[in-house]
């Protein structure tokens, strides 16, 4: 059986394209199978691996959105992992949506949300040979200052200013959580995973490729 790599994330894992000029299928507002980092990662890793896309726009770590149902990863985690067992690696890239004003949480609480999610994953009987949990926490790229005047400003709250401040603190917090939980860690800010200049939150085509390239080199060393 192939090694199952489950990629649990938000719109940047689903492949949302905020700039129609930057993707092959502009009418869909989604990067296609030749552009998304998950599909590019599959090509990087080869036939011995199965990269599973589990991206959902608006997804948080544990915080339930009062406007939309089913967006917290915690409540979806058990069926997700059991559906794809045996899991060789769970890669989690969340935290951007947690910065929204309506959740009213700081970077410390966002870290605690990731900690709770990871601890839950570690208890689920879904892991491959040996049954040892294997989790990679990916800190998402920091939200850019330009969001304050972007179409996403109202969605993020307070014209996007507070979400920028919180997101800057998330990578360091997630690094701490990775150390505490015995998880692997990657900071996407350090591998060229750039955002577009439309909403300053979603990866460009080049950003998807950069993330896939880094993960393609890293993941084989984690298994």
N, C-alpha and C. Protein backbone atom coordinates (compact mmCIF):
# COMPACT_ATOMS: atom_id res chain seq x y z
N UNK A 1 0.84 -1.20 0.00
CA UNK A 1 0.00 0.00 0.00
C UNK A 1 0.87 1.25 0.00
N UNK A 2 0.39 2.28 -0.65
CA UNK A 2 1.13 3.54 -0.70
C UNK A 2 1.14 4.22 0.67
N UNK A 3 2.08 5.12 0.86
CA UNK A 3 2.13 5.91 2.08
C UNK A 3 1.12 7.05 1.96
N UNK A 4 0.16 7.10 2.88
CA UNK A 4 -0.90 8.10 2.82
C UNK A 4 -0.47 9.38 3.55
N UNK A 5 -0.44 10.48 2.80
CA UNK A 5 -0.10 11.79 3.35
C UNK A 5 -1.37 12.63 3.34
N UNK A 6 -1.98 12.85 4.51
CA UNK A 6 -3.22 13.60 4.60
C UNK A 6 -2.90 15.07 4.85
N UNK A 7 -3.35 15.94 3.94
CA UNK A 7 -3.09 17.38 4.02
C UNK A 7 -4.37 18.08 4.48
N UNK A 8 -4.41 18.45 5.74
CA UNK A 8 -5.59 19.06 6.34
C UNK A 8 -5.39 20.57 6.41
N UNK A 9 -6.25 21.31 5.72
CA UNK A 9 -6.04 22.75 5.68
C UNK A 9 -7.29 23.53 5.32
N UNK A 10 -7.08 24.78 4.96
CA UNK A 10 -8.17 25.69 4.64
C UNK A 10 -8.17 25.99 3.14
N UNK A 11 -8.51 27.21 2.76
CA UNK A 11 -8.62 27.55 1.34
C UNK A 11 -7.29 27.46 0.61
N UNK A 12 -6.18 27.62 1.33
CA UNK A 12 -4.88 27.50 0.68
C UNK A 12 -4.50 26.05 0.41
N UNK A 13 -5.18 25.12 1.02
CA UNK A 13 -5.03 23.71 0.68
C UNK A 13 -6.05 23.31 -0.37
N UNK A 14 -7.24 23.91 -0.29
CA UNK A 14 -8.27 23.67 -1.31
C UNK A 14 -7.83 24.24 -2.65
N UNK A 15 -7.04 25.32 -2.61
CA UNK A 15 -6.51 25.89 -3.84
C UNK A 15 -7.22 27.13 -4.34
N UNK A 16 -7.82 27.91 -3.43
CA UNK A 16 -8.53 29.12 -3.85
C UNK A 16 -7.58 30.09 -4.55
N UNK A 17 -8.03 30.61 -5.68
CA UNK A 17 -7.25 31.57 -6.46
C UNK A 17 -7.95 32.92 -6.42
N UNK A 18 -7.39 33.86 -5.70
CA UNK A 18 -8.02 35.18 -5.54
C UNK A 18 -7.84 36.06 -6.77
N UNK A 19 -6.82 35.79 -7.55
CA UNK A 19 -6.52 36.58 -8.74
C UNK A 19 -6.75 35.72 -9.98
N UNK A 20 -7.88 35.89 -10.66
CA UNK A 20 -8.20 35.06 -11.83
C UNK A 20 -7.12 35.09 -12.91
N UNK A 21 -6.33 36.15 -12.93
CA UNK A 21 -5.27 36.26 -13.93
C UNK A 21 -4.12 35.30 -13.63
N UNK A 22 -4.11 34.76 -12.41
CA UNK A 22 -2.98 33.94 -12.00
C UNK A 22 -3.21 32.45 -12.02
N UNK A 23 -4.35 32.00 -12.56
CA UNK A 23 -4.61 30.56 -12.60
C UNK A 23 -5.17 30.16 -13.96
N UNK A 24 -5.10 28.89 -14.26
CA UNK A 24 -5.48 28.39 -15.59
C UNK A 24 -6.99 28.41 -15.83
N UNK A 25 -7.77 28.31 -14.75
CA UNK A 25 -9.23 28.26 -14.89
C UNK A 25 -9.85 29.42 -14.09
N UNK A 26 -9.73 30.64 -14.59
CA UNK A 26 -10.15 31.82 -13.82
C UNK A 26 -11.61 31.84 -13.42
N UNK A 27 -12.46 31.22 -14.22
CA UNK A 27 -13.89 31.22 -13.90
C UNK A 27 -14.21 30.37 -12.68
N UNK A 28 -13.30 29.49 -12.29
CA UNK A 28 -13.52 28.61 -11.14
C UNK A 28 -12.96 29.17 -9.84
N UNK A 29 -12.08 30.16 -9.94
CA UNK A 29 -11.41 30.73 -8.76
C UNK A 29 -10.73 29.65 -7.93
N UNK A 30 -10.19 28.65 -8.62
CA UNK A 30 -9.45 27.59 -7.95
C UNK A 30 -8.31 27.11 -8.84
N UNK A 31 -7.13 26.97 -8.24
CA UNK A 31 -6.02 26.41 -8.98
C UNK A 31 -6.34 24.97 -9.37
N UNK A 32 -5.93 24.57 -10.54
CA UNK A 32 -6.27 23.23 -11.01
C UNK A 32 -5.24 22.19 -10.57
N UNK A 33 -5.36 20.99 -11.11
CA UNK A 33 -4.53 19.87 -10.67
C UNK A 33 -3.07 20.03 -11.05
N UNK A 34 -2.76 20.94 -11.96
CA UNK A 34 -1.37 21.20 -12.32
C UNK A 34 -0.79 22.37 -11.55
N UNK A 35 -1.59 22.96 -10.64
CA UNK A 35 -1.16 24.18 -9.96
C UNK A 35 -1.19 24.08 -8.44
N UNK A 36 -2.14 23.31 -7.89
CA UNK A 36 -2.27 23.25 -6.42
C UNK A 36 -1.07 22.56 -5.78
N UNK A 37 -0.69 23.03 -4.59
CA UNK A 37 0.50 22.47 -3.95
C UNK A 37 0.34 20.99 -3.61
N UNK A 38 -0.87 20.58 -3.30
CA UNK A 38 -1.09 19.17 -2.97
C UNK A 38 -0.84 18.27 -4.17
N UNK A 39 -1.33 18.69 -5.33
CA UNK A 39 -1.14 17.89 -6.54
C UNK A 39 0.32 17.95 -7.01
N UNK A 40 0.95 19.10 -6.85
CA UNK A 40 2.37 19.21 -7.19
C UNK A 40 3.21 18.36 -6.25
N UNK A 41 2.79 18.29 -4.99
CA UNK A 41 3.48 17.45 -4.02
C UNK A 41 3.39 15.98 -4.42
N UNK A 42 2.22 15.57 -4.90
CA UNK A 42 2.06 14.20 -5.36
C UNK A 42 3.07 13.87 -6.46
N UNK A 43 3.26 14.79 -7.38
CA UNK A 43 4.23 14.59 -8.46
C UNK A 43 5.65 14.53 -7.92
N UNK A 44 5.92 15.37 -6.93
CA UNK A 44 7.26 15.40 -6.32
C UNK A 44 7.57 14.07 -5.63
N UNK A 45 6.60 13.53 -4.91
CA UNK A 45 6.83 12.34 -4.10
C UNK A 45 6.81 11.06 -4.92
N UNK A 46 5.98 10.99 -5.95
CA UNK A 46 5.95 9.82 -6.80
C UNK A 46 4.92 8.77 -6.41
N UNK A 47 4.99 7.64 -7.08
CA UNK A 47 3.95 6.62 -6.99
C UNK A 47 3.91 5.87 -5.66
N UNK A 48 4.94 5.99 -4.84
CA UNK A 48 4.94 5.29 -3.56
C UNK A 48 4.07 6.00 -2.52
N UNK A 49 3.59 7.18 -2.88
CA UNK A 49 2.82 8.01 -1.95
C UNK A 49 1.43 8.31 -2.51
N UNK A 50 0.48 8.53 -1.60
CA UNK A 50 -0.84 9.02 -1.97
C UNK A 50 -1.10 10.29 -1.16
N UNK A 51 -1.11 11.43 -1.84
CA UNK A 51 -1.35 12.71 -1.18
C UNK A 51 -2.85 12.98 -1.19
N UNK A 52 -3.43 13.10 0.00
CA UNK A 52 -4.87 13.27 0.15
C UNK A 52 -5.18 14.73 0.42
N UNK A 53 -5.99 15.35 -0.44
CA UNK A 53 -6.39 16.74 -0.27
C UNK A 53 -7.58 16.83 0.70
N UNK A 54 -7.39 17.55 1.79
CA UNK A 54 -8.47 17.80 2.74
C UNK A 54 -8.50 19.29 3.06
N UNK A 55 -8.76 20.09 2.03
CA UNK A 55 -8.81 21.53 2.18
C UNK A 55 -10.25 22.04 2.16
N UNK A 56 -10.56 22.99 3.04
CA UNK A 56 -11.90 23.58 3.11
C UNK A 56 -11.77 25.07 3.40
N UNK A 57 -12.32 25.89 2.54
CA UNK A 57 -12.25 27.34 2.74
C UNK A 57 -12.91 27.74 4.05
N UNK A 58 -12.22 28.57 4.82
CA UNK A 58 -12.75 29.06 6.09
C UNK A 58 -12.45 28.17 7.27
N UNK A 59 -11.80 27.04 7.05
CA UNK A 59 -11.57 26.09 8.15
C UNK A 59 -10.66 26.69 9.23
N UNK A 60 -10.99 26.39 10.48
CA UNK A 60 -10.19 26.79 11.63
C UNK A 60 -9.61 25.55 12.29
N UNK A 61 -8.84 25.76 13.34
CA UNK A 61 -8.33 24.62 14.11
C UNK A 61 -9.48 24.01 14.91
N UNK A 62 -10.00 24.77 15.87
CA UNK A 62 -11.04 24.25 16.77
C UNK A 62 -12.22 25.19 16.94
N UNK A 63 -12.12 26.40 16.43
CA UNK A 63 -13.14 27.42 16.69
C UNK A 63 -14.33 27.30 15.75
N UNK A 64 -15.52 27.20 16.32
CA UNK A 64 -16.73 27.07 15.52
C UNK A 64 -17.20 28.44 15.03
N UNK A 65 -17.38 28.55 13.74
CA UNK A 65 -17.79 29.81 13.13
C UNK A 65 -19.28 30.02 13.35
N UNK A 66 -19.68 31.17 13.90
CA UNK A 66 -21.11 31.41 14.13
C UNK A 66 -21.90 31.66 12.85
N UNK A 67 -21.20 31.87 11.74
CA UNK A 67 -21.88 32.17 10.48
C UNK A 67 -22.00 30.96 9.55
N UNK A 68 -21.04 30.03 9.65
CA UNK A 68 -21.03 28.88 8.75
C UNK A 68 -20.76 27.61 9.55
N UNK A 69 -21.45 26.54 9.22
CA UNK A 69 -21.31 25.32 10.00
C UNK A 69 -20.19 24.43 9.48
N UNK A 70 -19.64 23.62 10.38
CA UNK A 70 -18.70 22.58 10.00
C UNK A 70 -17.31 23.03 9.61
N UNK A 71 -16.89 24.21 10.08
CA UNK A 71 -15.59 24.72 9.65
C UNK A 71 -14.46 24.44 10.62
N UNK A 72 -14.75 23.90 11.80
CA UNK A 72 -13.66 23.59 12.72
C UNK A 72 -13.10 22.21 12.41
N UNK A 73 -11.78 22.12 12.34
CA UNK A 73 -11.13 20.86 11.99
C UNK A 73 -11.32 19.80 13.08
N UNK A 74 -11.46 20.24 14.31
CA UNK A 74 -11.54 19.29 15.42
C UNK A 74 -12.71 18.33 15.26
N UNK A 75 -13.88 18.83 14.90
CA UNK A 75 -15.07 17.97 14.80
C UNK A 75 -15.02 17.06 13.57
N UNK A 76 -14.16 17.39 12.62
CA UNK A 76 -14.04 16.59 11.40
C UNK A 76 -12.87 15.61 11.45
N UNK A 77 -12.02 15.76 12.44
CA UNK A 77 -10.76 15.04 12.45
C UNK A 77 -10.91 13.53 12.48
N UNK A 78 -11.77 13.00 13.34
CA UNK A 78 -11.90 11.54 13.46
C UNK A 78 -12.36 10.90 12.15
N UNK A 79 -13.48 11.33 11.56
CA UNK A 79 -13.88 10.71 10.29
C UNK A 79 -12.87 10.93 9.18
N UNK A 80 -12.19 12.05 9.20
CA UNK A 80 -11.19 12.34 8.18
C UNK A 80 -10.05 11.33 8.23
N UNK A 81 -9.47 11.16 9.39
CA UNK A 81 -8.32 10.27 9.53
C UNK A 81 -8.72 8.80 9.37
N UNK A 82 -9.88 8.44 9.89
CA UNK A 82 -10.33 7.06 9.75
C UNK A 82 -10.64 6.73 8.28
N UNK A 83 -11.08 7.71 7.54
CA UNK A 83 -11.40 7.49 6.12
C UNK A 83 -10.15 7.18 5.31
N UNK A 84 -9.02 7.72 5.75
CA UNK A 84 -7.79 7.61 4.95
C UNK A 84 -6.74 6.71 5.60
N UNK A 85 -7.14 5.94 6.62
CA UNK A 85 -6.16 5.07 7.26
C UNK A 85 -5.72 3.94 6.32
N UNK A 86 -4.48 3.45 6.49
CA UNK A 86 -3.49 3.89 7.47
C UNK A 86 -2.81 5.19 7.05
N UNK A 87 -2.69 6.11 7.98
CA UNK A 87 -2.10 7.42 7.71
C UNK A 87 -0.61 7.37 8.05
N UNK A 88 0.21 7.72 7.08
CA UNK A 88 1.66 7.76 7.31
C UNK A 88 2.10 9.11 7.86
N UNK A 89 1.40 10.17 7.43
CA UNK A 89 1.72 11.52 7.90
C UNK A 89 0.49 12.40 7.78
N UNK A 90 0.21 13.15 8.82
CA UNK A 90 -0.84 14.17 8.80
C UNK A 90 -0.15 15.53 8.77
N UNK A 91 -0.35 16.28 7.69
CA UNK A 91 0.20 17.62 7.56
C UNK A 91 -0.93 18.62 7.77
N UNK A 92 -0.80 19.47 8.78
CA UNK A 92 -1.84 20.44 9.13
C UNK A 92 -1.35 21.85 8.83
N UNK A 93 -2.03 22.56 7.93
CA UNK A 93 -1.73 23.97 7.69
C UNK A 93 -3.01 24.78 7.93
N UNK A 94 -3.17 25.22 9.15
CA UNK A 94 -4.33 26.01 9.58
C UNK A 94 -3.85 27.17 10.45
N UNK A 95 -4.77 28.05 10.79
CA UNK A 95 -4.43 29.17 11.66
C UNK A 95 -4.77 30.53 11.08
N UNK A 96 -4.84 30.62 9.76
CA UNK A 96 -5.15 31.91 9.13
C UNK A 96 -6.56 32.37 9.48
N UNK A 97 -7.54 31.49 9.35
CA UNK A 97 -8.92 31.86 9.65
C UNK A 97 -9.16 32.08 11.14
N UNK A 98 -8.35 31.45 11.97
CA UNK A 98 -8.46 31.64 13.42
C UNK A 98 -8.22 33.11 13.80
N UNK A 99 -7.55 33.85 12.91
CA UNK A 99 -7.21 35.25 13.19
C UNK A 99 -8.39 36.20 12.98
N UNK A 100 -9.51 35.70 12.49
CA UNK A 100 -10.66 36.57 12.25
C UNK A 100 -11.15 37.20 13.54
N UNK A 101 -11.60 38.42 13.43
CA UNK A 101 -12.04 39.18 14.61
C UNK A 101 -13.20 38.51 15.33
N UNK A 102 -14.09 37.86 14.60
CA UNK A 102 -15.28 37.31 15.24
C UNK A 102 -14.98 36.15 16.19
N UNK A 103 -13.77 35.57 16.09
CA UNK A 103 -13.41 34.52 17.04
C UNK A 103 -12.82 35.09 18.33
N UNK A 104 -12.34 36.32 18.25
CA UNK A 104 -11.88 37.03 19.45
C UNK A 104 -10.84 36.24 20.25
N UNK A 105 -9.85 35.69 19.55
CA UNK A 105 -8.77 34.96 20.22
C UNK A 105 -7.42 35.52 19.79
N UNK A 106 -6.44 35.41 20.68
CA UNK A 106 -5.10 35.88 20.37
C UNK A 106 -4.23 34.73 19.87
N UNK A 107 -2.97 35.04 19.57
CA UNK A 107 -2.07 34.02 19.02
C UNK A 107 -1.84 32.88 20.01
N UNK A 108 -1.85 33.18 21.29
CA UNK A 108 -1.69 32.14 22.29
C UNK A 108 -2.83 31.13 22.19
N UNK A 109 -4.06 31.65 22.10
CA UNK A 109 -5.23 30.77 22.01
C UNK A 109 -5.24 30.00 20.70
N UNK A 110 -4.78 30.62 19.61
CA UNK A 110 -4.69 29.92 18.34
C UNK A 110 -3.72 28.75 18.45
N UNK A 111 -2.63 28.98 19.17
CA UNK A 111 -1.69 27.89 19.43
C UNK A 111 -2.32 26.78 20.24
N UNK A 112 -3.12 27.15 21.22
CA UNK A 112 -3.79 26.14 22.03
C UNK A 112 -4.80 25.36 21.20
N UNK A 113 -5.40 26.04 20.22
CA UNK A 113 -6.30 25.34 19.31
C UNK A 113 -5.56 24.29 18.50
N UNK A 114 -4.37 24.65 18.00
CA UNK A 114 -3.56 23.69 17.27
C UNK A 114 -3.12 22.56 18.20
N UNK A 115 -2.78 22.88 19.41
CA UNK A 115 -2.36 21.85 20.38
C UNK A 115 -3.50 20.85 20.61
N UNK A 116 -4.70 21.34 20.79
CA UNK A 116 -5.84 20.47 21.02
C UNK A 116 -6.09 19.57 19.82
N UNK A 117 -5.95 20.13 18.62
CA UNK A 117 -6.17 19.38 17.39
C UNK A 117 -5.14 18.26 17.26
N UNK A 118 -3.88 18.59 17.51
CA UNK A 118 -2.82 17.60 17.41
C UNK A 118 -2.98 16.50 18.45
N UNK A 119 -3.29 16.89 19.67
CA UNK A 119 -3.48 15.90 20.73
C UNK A 119 -4.63 14.96 20.40
N UNK A 120 -5.68 15.48 19.79
CA UNK A 120 -6.80 14.63 19.37
C UNK A 120 -6.34 13.65 18.30
N UNK A 121 -5.59 14.15 17.32
CA UNK A 121 -5.11 13.29 16.24
C UNK A 121 -4.24 12.16 16.78
N UNK A 122 -3.48 12.46 17.80
CA UNK A 122 -2.58 11.46 18.37
C UNK A 122 -3.32 10.32 19.06
N UNK A 123 -4.59 10.54 19.40
CA UNK A 123 -5.37 9.50 20.08
C UNK A 123 -6.17 8.62 19.13
N UNK A 124 -6.22 9.01 17.85
CA UNK A 124 -7.05 8.29 16.88
C UNK A 124 -6.29 7.08 16.32
N UNK A 125 -6.94 5.97 16.31
CA UNK A 125 -6.34 4.72 15.83
C UNK A 125 -6.41 4.66 14.31
N UNK A 126 -5.46 5.35 13.68
CA UNK A 126 -5.49 5.46 12.22
C UNK A 126 -4.12 5.33 11.61
N UNK A 127 -3.10 5.20 12.46
CA UNK A 127 -1.73 5.33 11.99
C UNK A 127 -1.19 4.03 11.39
N UNK A 128 -0.18 4.18 10.56
CA UNK A 128 0.40 3.06 9.83
C UNK A 128 1.16 2.09 10.71
N UNK A 129 2.07 1.32 10.12
CA UNK A 129 2.82 0.31 10.86
C UNK A 129 3.42 0.85 12.16
N UNK A 130 3.17 0.13 13.25
CA UNK A 130 3.66 0.58 14.54
C UNK A 130 2.67 1.44 15.29
N UNK A 131 1.73 2.03 14.56
CA UNK A 131 0.68 2.83 15.18
C UNK A 131 1.15 4.12 15.83
N UNK A 132 2.34 4.61 15.45
CA UNK A 132 2.86 5.84 16.06
C UNK A 132 2.39 7.06 15.29
N UNK A 133 1.75 8.03 15.98
CA UNK A 133 1.30 9.24 15.30
C UNK A 133 2.47 9.99 14.65
N UNK A 134 2.23 10.52 13.48
CA UNK A 134 3.27 11.24 12.73
C UNK A 134 2.62 12.49 12.15
N UNK A 135 2.92 13.65 12.76
CA UNK A 135 2.20 14.89 12.42
C UNK A 135 3.19 16.00 12.09
N UNK A 136 2.88 16.73 11.04
CA UNK A 136 3.65 17.90 10.62
C UNK A 136 2.77 19.13 10.74
N UNK A 137 3.17 20.07 11.58
CA UNK A 137 2.47 21.35 11.70
C UNK A 137 3.13 22.34 10.76
N UNK A 138 2.35 22.91 9.86
CA UNK A 138 2.86 23.92 8.92
C UNK A 138 2.28 25.27 9.31
N UNK A 139 3.13 26.20 9.70
CA UNK A 139 2.67 27.56 9.98
C UNK A 139 2.39 28.26 8.67
N UNK A 140 1.17 28.74 8.46
CA UNK A 140 0.83 29.38 7.18
C UNK A 140 1.56 30.71 7.01
N UNK A 141 1.72 31.16 5.78
CA UNK A 141 2.34 32.47 5.55
C UNK A 141 1.58 33.57 6.31
N UNK A 142 2.32 34.52 6.81
CA UNK A 142 1.72 35.62 7.57
C UNK A 142 0.89 36.51 6.65
N UNK A 143 -0.28 36.88 7.12
CA UNK A 143 -1.16 37.76 6.35
C UNK A 143 -0.48 39.10 6.10
N UNK A 144 -0.57 39.60 4.86
CA UNK A 144 0.10 40.84 4.50
C UNK A 144 -0.65 42.09 4.93
N UNK A 145 0.10 43.18 5.13
CA UNK A 145 -0.49 44.46 5.54
C UNK A 145 -1.55 44.95 4.56
N UNK A 146 -1.40 44.59 3.29
CA UNK A 146 -2.32 45.07 2.27
C UNK A 146 -3.75 44.61 2.46
N UNK A 147 -3.97 43.65 3.33
CA UNK A 147 -5.34 43.17 3.55
C UNK A 147 -6.23 44.27 4.10
N UNK A 148 -5.63 45.28 4.70
CA UNK A 148 -6.40 46.35 5.32
C UNK A 148 -7.26 47.11 4.31
N UNK A 149 -6.86 47.10 3.06
CA UNK A 149 -7.64 47.77 2.02
C UNK A 149 -8.08 46.78 0.93
N UNK A 150 -8.09 45.50 1.26
CA UNK A 150 -8.44 44.47 0.28
C UNK A 150 -9.90 44.06 0.42
N UNK A 151 -10.41 43.24 -0.51
CA UNK A 151 -11.79 42.76 -0.41
C UNK A 151 -12.03 41.89 0.82
N UNK A 152 -10.97 41.38 1.46
CA UNK A 152 -11.11 40.52 2.62
C UNK A 152 -11.07 41.27 3.94
N UNK A 153 -10.93 42.58 3.89
CA UNK A 153 -10.79 43.36 5.12
C UNK A 153 -11.98 43.19 6.07
N UNK A 154 -13.20 43.31 5.54
CA UNK A 154 -14.38 43.18 6.39
C UNK A 154 -14.55 41.75 6.90
N UNK A 155 -14.24 40.77 6.08
CA UNK A 155 -14.37 39.37 6.49
C UNK A 155 -13.44 39.06 7.67
N UNK A 156 -12.24 39.61 7.62
CA UNK A 156 -11.29 39.36 8.71
C UNK A 156 -11.56 40.23 9.92
N UNK A 157 -12.21 41.38 9.73
CA UNK A 157 -12.60 42.24 10.85
C UNK A 157 -11.65 43.38 11.11
N UNK A 158 -12.21 44.51 11.62
CA UNK A 158 -11.46 45.71 11.95
C UNK A 158 -10.50 46.09 10.83
N UNK A 159 -11.01 46.04 9.60
CA UNK A 159 -10.24 46.38 8.41
C UNK A 159 -8.95 45.57 8.30
N UNK A 160 -8.95 44.38 8.89
CA UNK A 160 -7.83 43.47 8.72
C UNK A 160 -6.62 43.74 9.59
N UNK A 161 -6.64 44.80 10.37
CA UNK A 161 -5.44 45.19 11.11
C UNK A 161 -5.08 44.20 12.22
N UNK A 162 -6.05 43.79 12.99
CA UNK A 162 -5.75 42.89 14.11
C UNK A 162 -5.34 41.51 13.62
N UNK A 163 -5.92 41.06 12.52
CA UNK A 163 -5.56 39.73 12.02
C UNK A 163 -4.11 39.70 11.57
N UNK A 164 -3.61 40.80 11.04
CA UNK A 164 -2.21 40.86 10.64
C UNK A 164 -1.31 40.73 11.85
N UNK A 165 -1.63 41.47 12.90
CA UNK A 165 -0.83 41.43 14.12
C UNK A 165 -0.81 40.03 14.72
N UNK A 166 -1.97 39.37 14.74
CA UNK A 166 -2.04 38.02 15.31
C UNK A 166 -1.30 37.02 14.45
N UNK A 167 -1.47 37.11 13.14
CA UNK A 167 -0.87 36.11 12.26
C UNK A 167 0.66 36.15 12.32
N UNK A 168 1.22 37.32 12.61
CA UNK A 168 2.68 37.43 12.72
C UNK A 168 3.23 36.63 13.89
N UNK A 169 2.40 36.41 14.89
CA UNK A 169 2.84 35.69 16.08
C UNK A 169 2.56 34.19 16.01
N UNK A 170 1.78 33.77 15.03
CA UNK A 170 1.38 32.37 14.93
C UNK A 170 2.54 31.42 14.65
N UNK A 171 3.46 31.72 13.71
CA UNK A 171 4.54 30.76 13.44
C UNK A 171 5.36 30.39 14.68
N UNK A 172 5.75 31.37 15.45
CA UNK A 172 6.53 31.09 16.66
C UNK A 172 5.71 30.27 17.65
N UNK A 173 4.43 30.57 17.73
CA UNK A 173 3.56 29.83 18.65
C UNK A 173 3.41 28.38 18.19
N UNK A 174 3.23 28.18 16.89
CA UNK A 174 3.10 26.82 16.36
C UNK A 174 4.40 26.03 16.53
N UNK A 175 5.52 26.70 16.43
CA UNK A 175 6.80 26.02 16.65
C UNK A 175 6.86 25.48 18.08
N UNK A 176 6.38 26.27 19.03
CA UNK A 176 6.35 25.84 20.42
C UNK A 176 5.44 24.62 20.58
N UNK A 177 4.29 24.67 19.93
CA UNK A 177 3.33 23.56 20.04
C UNK A 177 3.91 22.29 19.43
N UNK A 178 4.63 22.43 18.33
CA UNK A 178 5.25 21.26 17.70
C UNK A 178 6.26 20.61 18.65
N UNK A 179 7.06 21.43 19.30
CA UNK A 179 8.04 20.90 20.25
C UNK A 179 7.34 20.22 21.42
N UNK A 180 6.28 20.84 21.91
CA UNK A 180 5.55 20.31 23.06
C UNK A 180 4.87 18.98 22.76
N UNK A 181 4.35 18.84 21.54
CA UNK A 181 3.58 17.64 21.18
C UNK A 181 4.40 16.58 20.47
N UNK A 182 5.68 16.86 20.24
CA UNK A 182 6.51 15.89 19.54
C UNK A 182 6.20 15.81 18.05
N UNK A 183 5.73 16.93 17.49
CA UNK A 183 5.38 16.98 16.06
C UNK A 183 6.51 17.60 15.25
N UNK A 184 6.49 17.37 13.95
CA UNK A 184 7.41 18.05 13.06
C UNK A 184 6.88 19.46 12.81
N UNK A 185 7.75 20.35 12.32
CA UNK A 185 7.33 21.74 12.09
C UNK A 185 7.96 22.29 10.83
N UNK A 186 7.16 23.08 10.10
CA UNK A 186 7.64 23.81 8.94
C UNK A 186 7.00 25.19 8.95
N UNK A 187 7.80 26.22 8.76
CA UNK A 187 7.30 27.58 8.63
C UNK A 187 7.22 27.92 7.15
N UNK A 188 6.02 28.03 6.62
CA UNK A 188 5.85 28.30 5.19
C UNK A 188 6.41 29.65 4.78
N UNK A 189 6.60 30.54 5.76
CA UNK A 189 7.18 31.85 5.46
C UNK A 189 8.64 31.74 5.04
N UNK A 190 9.26 30.60 5.32
CA UNK A 190 10.68 30.43 5.06
C UNK A 190 10.95 29.65 3.78
N UNK A 191 9.89 29.34 3.02
CA UNK A 191 10.12 28.54 1.81
C UNK A 191 9.53 29.20 0.56
N UNK A 192 9.30 30.51 0.62
CA UNK A 192 8.84 31.22 -0.56
C UNK A 192 7.38 31.05 -0.90
N UNK A 193 6.57 30.63 0.10
CA UNK A 193 5.14 30.45 -0.14
C UNK A 193 4.43 31.80 -0.09
N UNK A 194 4.50 32.53 -1.18
CA UNK A 194 4.04 33.91 -1.21
C UNK A 194 2.53 34.04 -1.41
N UNK A 195 1.98 35.16 -0.91
CA UNK A 195 0.58 35.50 -1.10
C UNK A 195 0.43 36.43 -2.31
N UNK A 196 -0.79 36.50 -2.85
CA UNK A 196 -1.07 37.43 -3.93
C UNK A 196 -1.23 38.85 -3.39
N UNK A 197 -1.34 39.82 -4.30
CA UNK A 197 -1.52 41.22 -3.89
C UNK A 197 -2.95 41.67 -4.13
N UNK A 198 -3.88 40.72 -4.11
CA UNK A 198 -5.31 41.03 -4.20
C UNK A 198 -5.90 41.04 -2.79
N UNK A 199 -5.75 39.92 -2.08
CA UNK A 199 -6.27 39.85 -0.70
C UNK A 199 -5.18 39.61 0.34
N UNK A 200 -3.94 39.35 -0.12
CA UNK A 200 -2.80 39.19 0.77
C UNK A 200 -2.97 38.05 1.76
N UNK A 201 -3.78 37.06 1.38
CA UNK A 201 -4.05 35.91 2.24
C UNK A 201 -3.89 34.58 1.51
N UNK A 202 -4.04 34.60 0.20
CA UNK A 202 -4.05 33.34 -0.54
C UNK A 202 -2.81 33.20 -1.42
N UNK A 203 -2.31 31.98 -1.49
CA UNK A 203 -1.09 31.70 -2.21
C UNK A 203 -1.21 31.98 -3.71
N UNK A 204 -0.12 32.43 -4.28
CA UNK A 204 -0.04 32.57 -5.72
C UNK A 204 0.32 31.20 -6.32
N UNK A 205 0.29 31.13 -7.62
CA UNK A 205 0.70 29.90 -8.29
C UNK A 205 2.15 29.57 -7.94
N UNK A 206 2.98 30.60 -7.91
CA UNK A 206 4.39 30.39 -7.55
C UNK A 206 4.51 29.96 -6.08
N UNK A 207 3.64 30.50 -5.22
CA UNK A 207 3.64 30.11 -3.83
C UNK A 207 3.28 28.65 -3.63
N UNK A 208 2.30 28.17 -4.39
CA UNK A 208 1.93 26.76 -4.34
C UNK A 208 3.12 25.88 -4.75
N UNK A 209 3.81 26.28 -5.81
CA UNK A 209 4.94 25.49 -6.30
C UNK A 209 6.07 25.47 -5.28
N UNK A 210 6.32 26.61 -4.64
CA UNK A 210 7.40 26.68 -3.66
C UNK A 210 7.11 25.79 -2.45
N UNK A 211 5.87 25.81 -1.99
CA UNK A 211 5.49 24.98 -0.84
C UNK A 211 5.61 23.50 -1.19
N UNK A 212 5.14 23.14 -2.37
CA UNK A 212 5.21 21.74 -2.81
C UNK A 212 6.65 21.27 -2.91
N UNK A 213 7.53 22.12 -3.42
CA UNK A 213 8.93 21.76 -3.56
C UNK A 213 9.59 21.51 -2.22
N UNK A 214 9.31 22.38 -1.26
CA UNK A 214 9.89 22.22 0.08
C UNK A 214 9.38 20.95 0.74
N UNK A 215 8.07 20.72 0.66
CA UNK A 215 7.49 19.52 1.27
C UNK A 215 7.95 18.25 0.57
N UNK A 216 8.16 18.34 -0.73
CA UNK A 216 8.62 17.18 -1.47
C UNK A 216 9.99 16.71 -1.02
N UNK A 217 10.81 17.65 -0.57
CA UNK A 217 12.13 17.30 -0.05
C UNK A 217 12.07 16.89 1.42
N UNK A 218 11.13 17.49 2.17
CA UNK A 218 11.05 17.25 3.60
C UNK A 218 10.36 15.94 3.97
N UNK A 219 9.22 15.68 3.37
CA UNK A 219 8.37 14.57 3.80
C UNK A 219 9.06 13.20 3.80
N UNK A 220 9.84 12.84 2.77
CA UNK A 220 10.51 11.54 2.83
C UNK A 220 11.41 11.36 4.04
N UNK A 221 11.90 12.48 4.59
CA UNK A 221 12.78 12.39 5.77
C UNK A 221 11.98 12.20 7.06
N UNK A 222 10.65 12.34 6.99
CA UNK A 222 9.82 12.26 8.19
C UNK A 222 9.18 10.88 8.36
N UNK A 223 9.35 10.02 7.39
CA UNK A 223 8.68 8.73 7.41
C UNK A 223 9.63 7.58 7.75
